[in-house]
């Protein structure tokens, strides 16, 4: 199995949940914040993935990635950061307490 196939369910889940959250208030601001967050996460992923792969802490066997790389990091690694930047805020606004406007309890 390739890393590109592994990301498909995560990408589809992110797409579906993000589309479901479109009816919630603040969609435009949330998408802007998610896009900025995704850009920052991609830069950080590029830096740290290259460091850990170059150091030999992680290796990707031949044939498991698309072969497209940013430095030594396979492009598939960046998809997780992008999905997280959009999925987490979308899930948050879909939670019942987030929509009710009630303050969340801090422990």
Protein backbone atom coordinates (compact mmCIF):
# COMPACT_ATOMS: atom_id res chain seq x y z
CA UNK A 1 0.00 0.00 0.00
CA UNK A 2 1.26 3.48 -0.80
CA UNK A 3 1.11 6.58 1.37
CA UNK A 4 -1.08 8.27 -1.26
CA UNK A 5 -3.73 5.57 -0.74
CA UNK A 6 -3.50 5.89 3.04
CA UNK A 7 -4.31 9.61 2.95
CA UNK A 8 -7.46 9.21 0.82
CA UNK A 9 -9.84 8.42 3.73
CA UNK A 10 -8.43 11.34 5.77
CA UNK A 11 -8.77 13.73 2.85
CA UNK A 12 -12.34 12.60 2.14
CA UNK A 13 -13.29 12.92 5.81
CA UNK A 14 -11.78 16.41 5.90
CA UNK A 15 -13.69 17.41 2.77
CA UNK A 16 -17.03 16.06 4.01
CA UNK A 17 -16.78 17.55 7.52
CA UNK A 18 -15.56 20.90 6.17
CA UNK A 19 -18.48 21.01 3.73
CA UNK A 20 -20.90 20.15 6.53
CA UNK A 21 -19.52 23.03 8.58
CA UNK A 22 -20.22 25.55 5.81
CA UNK A 23 -23.65 26.33 7.26
CA UNK A 24 -22.14 27.41 10.59
CA UNK A 25 -21.43 31.08 11.30
CA UNK A 26 -17.94 32.40 10.61
CA UNK A 27 -17.17 30.14 7.66
CA UNK A 28 -15.19 32.79 5.78
CA UNK A 29 -13.03 33.65 8.80
CA UNK A 30 -12.56 29.96 9.66
CA UNK A 31 -11.38 29.16 6.13
CA UNK A 32 -8.95 32.08 6.20
CA UNK A 33 -7.58 30.96 9.58
CA UNK A 34 -7.36 27.35 8.35
CA UNK A 35 -5.51 28.41 5.22
CA UNK A 36 -3.00 30.46 7.21
CA UNK A 37 -2.59 27.57 9.66
CA UNK A 38 -2.12 25.11 6.80
CA UNK A 39 0.59 27.28 5.26
CA UNK A 40 2.44 27.48 8.57
CA UNK A 41 2.08 23.73 9.14
CA UNK A 42 3.40 22.98 5.63
CA UNK A 43 6.49 25.10 6.28
CA UNK A 44 7.07 23.42 9.65
CA UNK A 45 6.49 19.98 8.12
CA UNK A 46 9.01 20.76 5.38
CA UNK A 47 11.62 21.77 7.93
CA UNK A 48 11.15 19.02 10.48
CA UNK A 49 10.42 16.16 8.06
CA UNK A 50 13.61 16.96 6.20
CA UNK A 51 15.55 17.00 9.46
CA UNK A 52 14.21 13.67 10.76
CA UNK A 53 14.48 11.93 7.39
CA UNK A 54 18.02 13.25 6.82
CA UNK A 55 19.00 12.14 10.32
CA UNK A 56 17.80 8.64 9.50
CA UNK A 57 15.07 8.57 12.14
CA UNK A 58 12.42 7.83 9.51
CA UNK A 59 12.77 6.13 6.14
CA UNK A 60 10.36 5.63 3.26
CA UNK A 61 10.84 2.42 1.30
CA UNK A 62 10.97 2.76 -2.48
CA UNK A 63 7.59 2.43 -4.16
CA UNK A 64 5.55 3.54 -1.13
CA UNK A 65 5.43 7.21 -2.08
CA UNK A 66 4.71 9.12 -5.26
CA UNK A 67 8.35 10.09 -5.65
CA UNK A 68 7.48 13.79 -5.49
CA UNK A 69 9.52 15.32 -2.70
CA UNK A 70 10.17 18.63 -1.03
CA UNK A 71 13.78 18.18 -0.08
CA UNK A 72 13.80 14.56 1.08
CA UNK A 73 10.23 14.64 2.48
CA UNK A 74 7.58 12.90 0.38
CA UNK A 75 4.73 15.18 -0.65
CA UNK A 76 2.24 12.81 1.02
CA UNK A 77 3.54 13.85 4.45
CA UNK A 78 2.18 17.34 3.92
CA UNK A 79 -1.39 16.15 3.42
CA UNK A 80 -1.82 15.27 7.09
CA UNK A 81 -0.95 18.80 8.20
CA UNK A 82 -3.31 20.29 5.62
CA UNK A 83 -6.15 17.98 6.65
CA UNK A 84 -5.65 18.85 10.32
CA UNK A 85 -5.74 22.60 9.60
CA UNK A 86 -9.21 22.27 8.06
CA UNK A 87 -10.69 19.28 9.89
CA UNK A 88 -10.12 20.36 13.51
CA UNK A 89 -11.91 23.74 13.22
CA UNK A 90 -14.74 22.16 11.21
CA UNK A 91 -15.29 19.47 13.85
CA UNK A 92 -15.16 22.08 16.60
CA UNK A 93 -17.94 24.23 15.12
CA UNK A 94 -20.09 21.17 14.55
CA UNK A 95 -19.93 20.17 18.21
CA UNK A 96 -23.20 21.03 20.02
CA UNK A 97 -21.58 23.23 22.71
CA UNK A 98 -19.63 25.21 20.13
CA UNK A 99 -22.87 26.13 18.34
CA UNK A 100 -24.85 26.94 21.46
CA UNK A 101 -22.64 29.87 22.35
CA UNK A 102 -22.33 28.56 25.90
CA UNK A 103 -18.86 29.00 27.35
CA UNK A 104 -16.89 25.81 27.61
CA UNK A 105 -15.97 24.57 31.04
CA UNK A 106 -12.24 24.71 31.77
CA UNK A 107 -10.77 22.18 34.16
